[in-house]
Amino acid sequence: MKKVLTVLGAAAAGFVAGILTAPKSGKETRADIKKKAGELKTATVKTAKKAQAAAKDSAEAAKVGAQKVGDVVTGTARTVKADTEKHFKKS
């Protein structure tokens, strides 16, 4: 995520530097800056949504994995308990 923000920041800085050195009128320059700001906002929102979806997927995968581990631990505990009870009943 940090890399994406760095790339977006660098792109914005490059664009602004290019705009400010271009031989255009102030009105055209402001229009270009406004247009590019809108594009960057759209790209940022899109990236944020992707990051949010990835985080949600990761959280769900962790939850499922934790449930599986819990099931294995429960099964193992039951087996150990049953084996222990059998052992002590024989004694």
N, C-alpha and C. Protein backbone atom coordinates (compact mmCIF):
# COMPACT_ATOMS: atom_id res chain seq x y z
N MET A 1 0.83 -1.18 0.00
CA MET A 1 0.00 0.00 0.00
C MET A 1 0.88 1.25 0.00
N LYS A 2 1.98 1.19 0.77
CA LYS A 2 2.87 2.34 0.84
C LYS A 2 3.48 2.65 -0.53
N LYS A 3 3.79 1.58 -1.27
CA LYS A 3 4.37 1.77 -2.60
C LYS A 3 3.37 2.45 -3.54
N VAL A 4 2.12 2.04 -3.43
CA VAL A 4 1.08 2.62 -4.30
C VAL A 4 0.95 4.11 -4.02
N LEU A 5 0.93 4.46 -2.74
CA LEU A 5 0.81 5.87 -2.38
C LEU A 5 2.04 6.66 -2.83
N THR A 6 3.21 6.05 -2.75
CA THR A 6 4.43 6.71 -3.21
C THR A 6 4.36 6.97 -4.71
N VAL A 7 3.91 5.96 -5.45
CA VAL A 7 3.80 6.11 -6.91
C VAL A 7 2.77 7.20 -7.25
N LEU A 8 1.64 7.18 -6.56
CA LEU A 8 0.62 8.21 -6.83
C LEU A 8 1.15 9.61 -6.49
N GLY A 9 1.87 9.72 -5.39
CA GLY A 9 2.45 11.01 -5.01
C GLY A 9 3.47 11.49 -6.02
N ALA A 10 4.32 10.58 -6.48
CA ALA A 10 5.34 10.94 -7.47
C ALA A 10 4.68 11.36 -8.79
N ALA A 11 3.64 10.64 -9.17
CA ALA A 11 2.93 10.98 -10.41
C ALA A 11 2.30 12.37 -10.29
N ALA A 12 1.71 12.64 -9.15
CA ALA A 12 1.08 13.95 -8.94
C ALA A 12 2.13 15.05 -8.97
N ALA A 13 3.26 14.83 -8.30
CA ALA A 13 4.32 15.84 -8.28
C ALA A 13 4.86 16.09 -9.69
N GLY A 14 5.06 15.02 -10.43
CA GLY A 14 5.54 15.16 -11.81
C GLY A 14 4.55 15.90 -12.68
N PHE A 15 3.30 15.60 -12.50
CA PHE A 15 2.27 16.27 -13.28
C PHE A 15 2.23 17.76 -12.97
N VAL A 16 2.25 18.09 -11.69
CA VAL A 16 2.20 19.49 -11.28
C VAL A 16 3.42 20.24 -11.79
N ALA A 17 4.60 19.62 -11.69
CA ALA A 17 5.81 20.26 -12.20
C ALA A 17 5.69 20.50 -13.70
N GLY A 18 5.17 19.53 -14.41
CA GLY A 18 4.98 19.69 -15.86
C GLY A 18 3.99 20.78 -16.20
N ILE A 19 2.92 20.84 -15.45
CA ILE A 19 1.89 21.85 -15.67
C ILE A 19 2.45 23.25 -15.43
N LEU A 20 3.19 23.39 -14.33
CA LEU A 20 3.68 24.71 -13.95
C LEU A 20 4.75 25.24 -14.91
N THR A 21 5.42 24.34 -15.61
CA THR A 21 6.46 24.79 -16.55
C THR A 21 5.95 24.85 -17.99
N ALA A 22 4.72 24.40 -18.21
CA ALA A 22 4.16 24.40 -19.57
C ALA A 22 3.72 25.81 -19.95
N PRO A 23 3.84 26.14 -21.24
CA PRO A 23 3.44 27.48 -21.70
C PRO A 23 1.93 27.56 -21.95
N LYS A 24 1.16 27.54 -20.88
CA LYS A 24 -0.31 27.63 -21.00
C LYS A 24 -0.79 28.81 -20.18
N SER A 25 -2.02 29.19 -20.46
CA SER A 25 -2.61 30.28 -19.68
C SER A 25 -2.97 29.77 -18.29
N GLY A 26 -3.19 30.68 -17.37
CA GLY A 26 -3.57 30.31 -16.01
C GLY A 26 -4.86 29.52 -15.99
N LYS A 27 -5.80 29.89 -16.84
CA LYS A 27 -7.09 29.19 -16.90
C LYS A 27 -6.89 27.75 -17.35
N GLU A 28 -6.08 27.55 -18.39
CA GLU A 28 -5.81 26.20 -18.87
C GLU A 28 -5.06 25.38 -17.82
N THR A 29 -4.11 26.01 -17.17
CA THR A 29 -3.33 25.32 -16.14
C THR A 29 -4.23 24.88 -15.00
N ARG A 30 -5.10 25.76 -14.54
CA ARG A 30 -6.03 25.41 -13.46
C ARG A 30 -6.96 24.28 -13.88
N ALA A 31 -7.42 24.31 -15.12
CA ALA A 31 -8.30 23.25 -15.62
C ALA A 31 -7.55 21.92 -15.65
N ASP A 32 -6.29 21.94 -16.09
CA ASP A 32 -5.49 20.72 -16.11
C ASP A 32 -5.26 20.17 -14.70
N ILE A 33 -4.97 21.06 -13.77
CA ILE A 33 -4.74 20.64 -12.38
C ILE A 33 -6.03 20.05 -11.80
N LYS A 34 -7.15 20.69 -12.06
CA LYS A 34 -8.44 20.19 -11.56
C LYS A 34 -8.74 18.80 -12.14
N LYS A 35 -8.49 18.64 -13.44
CA LYS A 35 -8.74 17.36 -14.09
C LYS A 35 -7.86 16.27 -13.49
N LYS A 36 -6.58 16.56 -13.34
CA LYS A 36 -5.64 15.57 -12.81
C LYS A 36 -5.95 15.24 -11.35
N ALA A 37 -6.37 16.24 -10.57
CA ALA A 37 -6.75 16.00 -9.18
C ALA A 37 -7.94 15.04 -9.12
N GLY A 38 -8.88 15.22 -10.01
CA GLY A 38 -10.03 14.31 -10.07
C GLY A 38 -9.61 12.90 -10.42
N GLU A 39 -8.69 12.77 -11.38
CA GLU A 39 -8.18 11.44 -11.76
C GLU A 39 -7.46 10.78 -10.60
N LEU A 40 -6.65 11.56 -9.89
CA LEU A 40 -5.91 11.01 -8.75
C LEU A 40 -6.87 10.59 -7.63
N LYS A 41 -7.91 11.38 -7.43
CA LYS A 41 -8.90 11.03 -6.42
C LYS A 41 -9.57 9.71 -6.78
N THR A 42 -9.95 9.56 -8.02
CA THR A 42 -10.58 8.33 -8.48
C THR A 42 -9.65 7.14 -8.30
N ALA A 43 -8.38 7.31 -8.68
CA ALA A 43 -7.40 6.23 -8.53
C ALA A 43 -7.18 5.88 -7.05
N THR A 44 -7.16 6.89 -6.20
CA THR A 44 -6.97 6.66 -4.77
C THR A 44 -8.15 5.90 -4.17
N VAL A 45 -9.35 6.30 -4.54
CA VAL A 45 -10.55 5.61 -4.04
C VAL A 45 -10.55 4.16 -4.51
N LYS A 46 -10.20 3.94 -5.77
CA LYS A 46 -10.16 2.58 -6.32
C LYS A 46 -9.13 1.73 -5.57
N THR A 47 -7.95 2.29 -5.32
CA THR A 47 -6.91 1.58 -4.60
C THR A 47 -7.34 1.29 -3.16
N ALA A 48 -7.98 2.25 -2.53
CA ALA A 48 -8.46 2.05 -1.15
C ALA A 48 -9.50 0.94 -1.09
N LYS A 49 -10.38 0.88 -2.07
CA LYS A 49 -11.40 -0.18 -2.11
C LYS A 49 -10.75 -1.54 -2.29
N LYS A 50 -9.73 -1.61 -3.14
CA LYS A 50 -9.02 -2.88 -3.34
C LYS A 50 -8.33 -3.31 -2.05
N ALA A 51 -7.71 -2.36 -1.37
CA ALA A 51 -7.03 -2.67 -0.10
C ALA A 51 -8.03 -3.13 0.94
N GLN A 52 -9.19 -2.49 0.98
CA GLN A 52 -10.22 -2.88 1.93
C GLN A 52 -10.72 -4.29 1.63
N ALA A 53 -10.93 -4.60 0.37
CA ALA A 53 -11.39 -5.94 -0.01
C ALA A 53 -10.33 -6.99 0.34
N ALA A 54 -9.06 -6.66 0.09
CA ALA A 54 -7.98 -7.60 0.41
C ALA A 54 -7.90 -7.83 1.92
N ALA A 55 -8.07 -6.77 2.69
CA ALA A 55 -8.05 -6.91 4.15
C ALA A 55 -9.22 -7.76 4.64
N LYS A 56 -10.37 -7.56 4.04
CA LYS A 56 -11.55 -8.34 4.42
C LYS A 56 -11.33 -9.81 4.09
N ASP A 57 -10.79 -10.08 2.90
CA ASP A 57 -10.51 -11.46 2.50
C ASP A 57 -9.48 -12.10 3.44
N SER A 58 -8.46 -11.34 3.80
CA SER A 58 -7.44 -11.86 4.72
C SER A 58 -8.03 -12.16 6.08
N ALA A 59 -8.88 -11.29 6.57
CA ALA A 59 -9.51 -11.50 7.87
C ALA A 59 -10.40 -12.75 7.83
N GLU A 60 -11.12 -12.92 6.75
CA GLU A 60 -11.98 -14.10 6.62
C GLU A 60 -11.15 -15.37 6.55
N ALA A 61 -10.06 -15.34 5.81
CA ALA A 61 -9.19 -16.51 5.72
C ALA A 61 -8.58 -16.84 7.09
N ALA A 62 -8.20 -15.82 7.83
CA ALA A 62 -7.65 -16.04 9.17
C ALA A 62 -8.70 -16.64 10.08
N LYS A 63 -9.92 -16.17 9.97
CA LYS A 63 -11.02 -16.70 10.79
C LYS A 63 -11.26 -18.17 10.48
N VAL A 64 -11.31 -18.51 9.20
CA VAL A 64 -11.52 -19.90 8.79
C VAL A 64 -10.35 -20.76 9.27
N GLY A 65 -9.14 -20.28 9.11
CA GLY A 65 -7.96 -21.02 9.57
C GLY A 65 -7.98 -21.23 11.07
N ALA A 66 -8.35 -20.21 11.81
CA ALA A 66 -8.43 -20.34 13.26
C ALA A 66 -9.49 -21.35 13.66
N GLN A 67 -10.59 -21.36 12.96
CA GLN A 67 -11.65 -22.35 13.25
C GLN A 67 -11.15 -23.76 13.01
N LYS A 68 -10.42 -23.96 11.92
CA LYS A 68 -9.87 -25.29 11.62
C LYS A 68 -8.89 -25.72 12.71
N VAL A 69 -8.03 -24.82 13.12
CA VAL A 69 -7.08 -25.14 14.18
C VAL A 69 -7.83 -25.48 15.46
N GLY A 70 -8.84 -24.71 15.77
CA GLY A 70 -9.65 -24.97 16.96
C GLY A 70 -10.30 -26.34 16.90
N ASP A 71 -10.81 -26.71 15.74
CA ASP A 71 -11.43 -28.02 15.58
C ASP A 71 -10.41 -29.15 15.79
N VAL A 72 -9.22 -28.99 15.24
CA VAL A 72 -8.17 -30.00 15.41
C VAL A 72 -7.77 -30.12 16.87
N VAL A 73 -7.60 -28.98 17.53
CA VAL A 73 -7.22 -29.00 18.95
C VAL A 73 -8.31 -29.66 19.79
N THR A 74 -9.56 -29.34 19.50
CA THR A 74 -10.67 -29.96 20.24
C THR A 74 -10.68 -31.47 20.03
N GLY A 75 -10.51 -31.89 18.79
CA GLY A 75 -10.48 -33.33 18.50
C GLY A 75 -9.32 -34.02 19.20
N THR A 76 -8.17 -33.40 19.18
CA THR A 76 -7.00 -33.98 19.85
C THR A 76 -7.23 -34.06 21.35
N ALA A 77 -7.80 -33.03 21.93
CA ALA A 77 -8.07 -33.04 23.38
C ALA A 77 -9.05 -34.15 23.74
N ARG A 78 -10.05 -34.35 22.91
CA ARG A 78 -11.02 -35.43 23.18
C ARG A 78 -10.35 -36.79 23.09
N THR A 79 -9.49 -36.97 22.10
CA THR A 79 -8.77 -38.24 21.95
C THR A 79 -7.87 -38.50 23.15
N VAL A 80 -7.13 -37.48 23.56
CA VAL A 80 -6.24 -37.62 24.71
C VAL A 80 -7.05 -37.93 25.97
N LYS A 81 -8.18 -37.27 26.14
CA LYS A 81 -9.03 -37.52 27.30
C LYS A 81 -9.53 -38.95 27.30
N ALA A 82 -10.01 -39.40 26.13
CA ALA A 82 -10.53 -40.77 26.03
C ALA A 82 -9.43 -41.79 26.30
N ASP A 83 -8.25 -41.57 25.73
CA ASP A 83 -7.13 -42.49 25.94
C ASP A 83 -6.72 -42.50 27.41
N THR A 84 -6.72 -41.36 28.02
CA THR A 84 -6.34 -41.26 29.44
C THR A 84 -7.36 -41.99 30.31
N GLU A 85 -8.64 -41.80 30.02
CA GLU A 85 -9.69 -42.49 30.79
C GLU A 85 -9.58 -44.00 30.63
N LYS A 86 -9.31 -44.47 29.40
CA LYS A 86 -9.13 -45.91 29.18
C LYS A 86 -7.94 -46.43 29.96
N HIS A 87 -6.88 -45.69 29.96
CA HIS A 87 -5.65 -46.11 30.65
C HIS A 87 -5.90 -46.26 32.15
N PHE A 88 -6.58 -45.29 32.75
CA PHE A 88 -6.81 -45.33 34.18
C PHE A 88 -7.89 -46.33 34.57
N LYS A 89 -8.82 -46.65 33.67
CA LYS A 89 -9.84 -47.66 33.96
C LYS A 89 -9.21 -49.05 33.98
N LYS A 90 -8.18 -49.27 33.16
CA LYS A 90 -7.48 -50.56 33.12
C LYS A 90 -6.67 -50.77 34.40
N SER A 91 -6.19 -49.70 34.98
CA SER A 91 -5.32 -49.82 36.16
C SER A 91 -6.05 -50.22 37.40
